C-alpha atoms as a PDB file:
ATOM      1  CA  MET A   1      20.672 110.595 110.966  1.00  0.00           C
ATOM      2  CA  MET A   2      22.276 113.231 108.733  1.00  0.00           C
ATOM      3  CA  GLU A   3      23.948 114.851 111.759  1.00  0.00           C
ATOM      4  CA  ILE A   4      25.456 111.534 112.872  1.00  0.00           C
ATOM      5  CA  MET A   5      26.814 110.970 109.373  1.00  0.00           C
ATOM      6  CA  LEU A   6      28.316 114.481 109.257  1.00  0.00           C
ATOM      7  CA  ASN A   7      29.900 113.971 112.694  1.00  0.00           C
ATOM      8  CA  ARG A   8      31.554 110.748 111.501  1.00  0.00           C
ATOM      9  CA  LEU A   9      32.836 112.480 108.372  1.00  0.00           C
ATOM     10  CA  SER A  10      34.271 115.454 110.270  1.00  0.00           C
ATOM     11  CA  MET A  11      36.026 113.190 112.760  1.00  0.00           C
ATOM     12  CA  SER A  12      37.906 111.461 109.956  1.00  0.00           C
ATOM     13  CA  LEU A  13      39.333 114.712 108.536  1.00  0.00           C
ATOM     14  CA  PRO A  14      42.547 116.320 109.713  1.00  0.00           C
ATOM     15  CA  GLU A  15      41.901 119.484 111.737  1.00  0.00           C
ATOM     16  CA  GLU A  16      44.116 121.547 109.406  1.00  0.00           C
ATOM     17  CA  SER A  17      42.009 120.516 106.401  1.00  0.00           C
ATOM     18  CA  GLN A  18      38.790 121.414 108.212  1.00  0.00           C
ATOM     19  CA  SER A  19      40.255 124.806 109.130  1.00  0.00           C
ATOM     20  CA  TYR A  20      41.245 125.481 105.537  1.00  0.00           C
ATOM     21  CA  LEU A  21      37.789 124.571 104.254  1.00  0.00           C
ATOM     22  CA  LEU A  22      36.180 126.817 106.866  1.00  0.00           C
ATOM     23  CA  LEU A  23      38.407 129.738 105.819  1.00  0.00           C
ATOM     24  CA  ASP A  24      37.476 129.117 102.197  1.00  0.00           C
ATOM     25  CA  ALA A  25      33.772 129.056 103.056  1.00  0.00           C
ATOM     26  CA  GLN A  26      34.150 132.309 104.998  1.00  0.00           C
ATOM     27  CA  LYS A  27      35.630 134.040 101.959  1.00  0.00           C
ATOM     28  CA  ARG A  28      32.741 132.967  99.739  1.00  0.00           C
ATOM     29  CA  ASP A  29      29.781 133.159 102.111  1.00  0.00           C
ATOM     30  CA  VAL A  30      28.896 136.183 104.247  1.00  0.00           C
ATOM     31  CA  VAL A  31      26.625 134.134 106.546  1.00  0.00           C
ATOM     32  CA  THR A  32      29.392 131.670 107.372  1.00  0.00           C
ATOM     33  CA  ALA A  33      31.830 134.543 107.889  1.00  0.00           C
ATOM     34  CA  ARG A  34      29.429 136.282 110.291  1.00  0.00           C
ATOM     35  CA  ARG A  35      28.893 133.120 112.293  1.00  0.00           C
ATOM     36  CA  VAL A  36      32.595 132.307 112.526  1.00  0.00           C
ATOM     37  CA  ASN A  37      33.351 135.857 113.659  1.00  0.00           C
ATOM     38  CA  LEU A  38      30.575 135.731 116.259  1.00  0.00           C
ATOM     39  CA  LEU A  39      31.975 132.451 117.551  1.00  0.00           C
ATOM     40  CA  ARG A  40      35.535 133.813 117.715  1.00  0.00           C
ATOM     41  CA  ILE A  41      34.412 136.935 119.576  1.00  0.00           C
ATOM     42  CA  LEU A  42      32.279 134.999 122.058  1.00  0.00           C
ATOM     43  CA  TRP A  43      35.136 132.583 122.660  1.00  0.00           C
ATOM     44  CA  ARG A  44      37.383 135.472 123.749  1.00  0.00           C
ATOM     45  CA  GLU A  45      34.969 137.879 125.461  1.00  0.00           C
ATOM     46  CA  ARG A  46      31.917 137.623 127.695  1.00  0.00           C
ATOM     47  CA  TYR A  47      28.951 139.829 128.543  1.00  0.00           C
ATOM     48  CA  LEU A  48      28.546 141.372 125.132  1.00  0.00           C
ATOM     49  CA  THR A  49      25.104 142.630 124.157  1.00  0.00           C
ATOM     50  CA  ARG A  50      23.602 142.233 120.703  1.00  0.00           C
ATOM     51  CA  GLU A  51      24.765 145.749 119.847  1.00  0.00           C
ATOM     52  CA  GLY A  52      28.285 145.047 121.091  1.00  0.00           C
ATOM     53  CA  LEU A  53      28.561 141.793 119.170  1.00  0.00           C
ATOM     54  CA  MET A  54      27.173 143.295 115.982  1.00  0.00           C
ATOM     55  CA  GLN A  55      29.542 146.249 116.268  1.00  0.00           C
ATOM     56  CA  ARG A  56      32.541 143.963 116.618  1.00  0.00           C
ATOM     57  CA  VAL A  57      31.505 141.818 113.655  1.00  0.00           C
ATOM     58  CA  GLU A  58      30.830 144.905 111.524  1.00  0.00           C
ATOM     59  CA  THR A  59      34.291 146.231 112.405  1.00  0.00           C
ATOM     60  CA  ILE A  60      35.738 143.045 110.953  1.00  0.00           C
ATOM     61  CA  MET A  61      33.384 142.553 107.993  1.00  0.00           C
ATOM     62  CA  GLY A  62      32.029 145.987 107.198  1.00  0.00           C
ATOM     63  CA  HIS A  63      28.904 147.985 107.950  1.00  0.00           C
ATOM     64  CA  ALA A  64      25.545 146.272 107.411  1.00  0.00           C
ATOM     65  CA  CYS A  65      27.033 142.782 107.083  1.00  0.00           C
ATOM     66  CA  PHE A  66      23.900 141.561 108.893  1.00  0.00           C
ATOM     67  CA  GLY A  67      21.747 143.166 106.191  1.00  0.00           C
ATOM     68  CA  GLU A  68      19.921 146.454 105.920  1.00  0.00           C
ATOM     69  CA  LYS A  69      16.341 145.379 106.658  1.00  0.00           C
ATOM     70  CA  SER A  70      16.261 141.971 108.318  1.00  0.00           C
ATOM     71  CA  TRP A  71      19.391 142.409 110.452  1.00  0.00           C
ATOM     72  CA  LYS A  72      17.625 141.351 113.668  1.00  0.00           C
ATOM     73  CA  ASP A  73      16.400 138.095 112.146  1.00  0.00           C
ATOM     74  CA  ASN A  74      19.837 137.404 110.652  1.00  0.00           C
ATOM     75  CA  PHE A  75      21.559 138.081 113.977  1.00  0.00           C
ATOM     76  CA  TYR A  76      19.255 135.764 115.929  1.00  0.00           C
ATOM     77  CA  ARG A  77      19.524 133.001 113.293  1.00  0.00           C
ATOM     78  CA  ASP A  78      23.305 133.307 113.433  1.00  0.00           C
ATOM     79  CA  MET A  79      23.269 133.188 117.227  1.00  0.00           C
ATOM     80  CA  ARG A  80      21.157 130.013 117.240  1.00  0.00           C
ATOM     81  CA  VAL A  81      23.745 128.312 115.030  1.00  0.00           C
ATOM     82  CA  VAL A  82      26.641 129.635 117.139  1.00  0.00           C
ATOM     83  CA  LYS A  83      24.910 128.454 120.321  1.00  0.00           C
ATOM     84  CA  THR A  84      24.466 124.986 118.808  1.00  0.00           C
ATOM     85  CA  ALA A  85      28.111 124.906 117.672  1.00  0.00           C
ATOM     86  CA  LEU A  86      29.249 125.764 121.185  1.00  0.00           C
ATOM     87  CA  LYS A  87      26.925 123.142 122.671  1.00  0.00           C
ATOM     88  CA  HIS A  88      28.522 120.500 120.409  1.00  0.00           C
ATOM     89  CA  SER A  89      31.878 121.303 122.005  1.00  0.00           C
ATOM     90  CA  GLY A  90      30.463 121.115 125.540  1.00  0.00           C
ATOM     91  CA  HIS A  91      29.928 124.857 126.145  1.00  0.00           C
ATOM     92  CA  GLU A  92      26.704 126.605 127.073  1.00  0.00           C
ATOM     93  CA  LEU A  93      26.010 130.085 125.699  1.00  0.00           C
ATOM     94  CA  ASN A  94      23.646 132.097 127.882  1.00  0.00           C
ATOM     95  CA  TYR A  95      22.408 135.677 128.097  1.00  0.00           C
ATOM     96  CA  SER A  96      22.568 137.717 131.296  1.00  0.00           C
ATOM     97  CA  ARG A  97      19.939 140.382 131.866  1.00  0.00           C
ATOM     98  CA  LYS A  98      21.623 141.643 135.042  1.00  0.00           C
ATOM     99  CA  ARG A  99      22.156 145.393 134.998  1.00  0.00           C
ATOM    100  CA  GLU A 100      25.780 145.142 136.123  1.00  0.00           C
ATOM    101  CA  LYS A 101      26.707 142.432 133.573  1.00  0.00           C
ATOM    102  CA  PRO A 102      24.326 142.247 130.614  1.00  0.00           C
ATOM    103  CA  GLY A 103      25.052 140.191 127.518  1.00  0.00           C
ATOM    104  CA  TYR A 104      26.060 136.829 126.148  1.00  0.00           C
ATOM    105  CA  TYR A 105      28.478 134.678 128.125  1.00  0.00           C
ATOM    106  CA  LEU A 106      29.795 131.123 128.212  1.00  0.00           C
ATOM    107  CA  ASP A 107      28.585 129.380 131.348  1.00  0.00           C
ATOM    108  CA  GLY A 108      31.417 128.488 133.694  1.00  0.00           C
ATOM    109  CA  GLU A 109      34.033 130.488 131.785  1.00  0.00           C
ATOM    110  CA  PRO A 110      35.896 133.583 133.023  1.00  0.00           C
ATOM    111  CA  VAL A 111      34.917 137.039 131.729  1.00  0.00           C
ATOM    112  CA  LEU A 112      37.954 137.058 129.421  1.00  0.00           C
ATOM    113  CA  HIS A 113      39.508 134.044 127.752  1.00  0.00           C
ATOM    114  CA  PRO A 114      42.810 133.273 129.528  1.00  0.00           C
ATOM    115  CA  ASP A 115      44.788 134.197 126.379  1.00  0.00           C
ATOM    116  CA  GLU A 116      43.064 137.598 126.256  1.00  0.00           C
ATOM    117  CA  GLU A 117      43.716 138.136 129.950  1.00  0.00           C
ATOM    118  CA  LYS A 118      47.421 137.367 129.424  1.00  0.00           C
ATOM    119  CA  ALA A 119      47.530 139.896 126.582  1.00  0.00           C
ATOM    120  CA  VAL A 120      45.922 142.588 128.751  1.00  0.00           C
ATOM    121  CA  ARG A 121      48.323 141.891 131.628  1.00  0.00           C
ATOM    122  CA  ALA A 122      51.300 142.041 129.257  1.00  0.00           C
ATOM    123  CA  ALA A 123      50.080 145.355 127.840  1.00  0.00           C
ATOM    124  CA  LEU A 124      49.671 146.791 131.341  1.00  0.00           C
ATOM    125  CA  ARG A 125      53.231 145.757 132.237  1.00  0.00           C
ATOM    126  CA  GLU A 126      54.475 147.733 129.228  1.00  0.00           C
ATOM    127  CA  LEU A 127      52.941 151.002 130.436  1.00  0.00           C
ATOM    128  CA  ASP A 128      55.625 153.570 131.073  1.00  0.00           C
ATOM    129  CA  PRO A 129      54.840 156.042 133.887  1.00  0.00           C
ATOM    130  CA  HIS A 130      57.000 158.675 132.161  1.00  0.00           C
ATOM    131  CA  GLN A 131      54.976 158.346 128.938  1.00  0.00           C
ATOM    132  CA  THR A 132      51.749 158.509 130.946  1.00  0.00           C
ATOM    133  CA  GLU A 133      52.842 161.836 132.440  1.00  0.00           C
ATOM    134  CA  ILE A 134      53.656 163.197 128.971  1.00  0.00           C
ATOM    135  CA  TYR A 135      50.263 162.055 127.705  1.00  0.00           C
ATOM    136  CA  LYS A 136      48.509 163.922 130.526  1.00  0.00           C
ATOM    137  CA  ARG A 137      50.071 167.188 129.290  1.00  0.00           C
ATOM    138  CA  ILE A 138      49.125 166.991 125.595  1.00  0.00           C
ATOM    139  CA  SER A 139      46.120 168.889 124.276  1.00  0.00           C
ATOM    140  CA  PRO A 140      42.661 167.326 123.789  1.00  0.00           C
ATOM    141  CA  ALA A 141      43.072 167.785 120.023  1.00  0.00           C
ATOM    142  CA  GLN A 142      46.320 165.761 120.070  1.00  0.00           C
ATOM    143  CA  LYS A 143      44.680 163.059 122.173  1.00  0.00           C
ATOM    144  CA  PHE A 144      41.764 162.887 119.751  1.00  0.00           C
ATOM    145  CA  PHE A 145      44.125 162.630 116.769  1.00  0.00           C
ATOM    146  CA  GLN A 146      46.019 159.800 118.467  1.00  0.00           C
ATOM    147  CA  ALA A 147      42.788 157.981 119.321  1.00  0.00           C
ATOM    148  CA  CYS A 148      41.630 158.209 115.705  1.00  0.00           C
ATOM    149  CA  SER A 149      45.002 156.940 114.470  1.00  0.00           C
ATOM    150  CA  ILE A 150      44.910 153.986 116.856  1.00  0.00           C
ATOM    151  CA  THR A 151      41.318 153.147 115.873  1.00  0.00           C
ATOM    152  CA  ASN A 152      42.146 153.311 112.165  1.00  0.00           C
ATOM    153  CA  LEU A 153      45.184 151.086 112.641  1.00  0.00           C
ATOM    154  CA  ALA A 154      43.182 148.568 114.707  1.00  0.00           C
ATOM    155  CA  LYS A 155      40.495 148.440 112.026  1.00  0.00           C
ATOM    156  CA  LYS A 156      43.084 147.843 109.289  1.00  0.00           C
ATOM    157  CA  VAL A 157      44.741 145.095 111.315  1.00  0.00           C
ATOM    158  CA  SER A 158      41.388 143.502 112.154  1.00  0.00           C
ATOM    159  CA  THR A 159      40.223 143.635 108.533  1.00  0.00           C
ATOM    160  CA  ALA A 160      43.533 142.281 107.248  1.00  0.00           C
ATOM    161  CA  GLY A 161      43.379 139.436 109.778  1.00  0.00           C
ATOM    162  CA  SER A 162      39.892 138.404 108.704  1.00  0.00           C
ATOM    163  CA  GLN A 163      40.905 138.379 105.024  1.00  0.00           C
ATOM    164  CA  SER A 164      43.949 136.155 105.403  1.00  0.00           C
END
């Protein structure tokens, strides 16, 4: 009964208002923030294991956002809610135990969300063979420094995006 009433209420609200309220709840409540981030990640990527999902969420929210001691319980509670949220929108979240493709996936959906696939294709088109040759000649120390710089920048961008 309560669920039916909540569904009627949410249908009568403008989507922009619902989005704003969700963002506000994320800022104030770590559980809501974790669940929204899990949902966003699963919407874009498939075949992520528990470790992979937790790592991505912790990159956005910070280390130990699932808790220090009961992190497994928190993760599985969050996933039950995320699975239910996806089911309400007509999507089925499953887990593959196949060696070649383990992890959570949305049934009937491609490995990458079409928007993510477009972004990857666009990035590949921007590769410059001349720059690739230069990169092959730099030292391992320079490559490591560049990798660290890129990772630090990605983390800053990711963190800034989750705070806005």
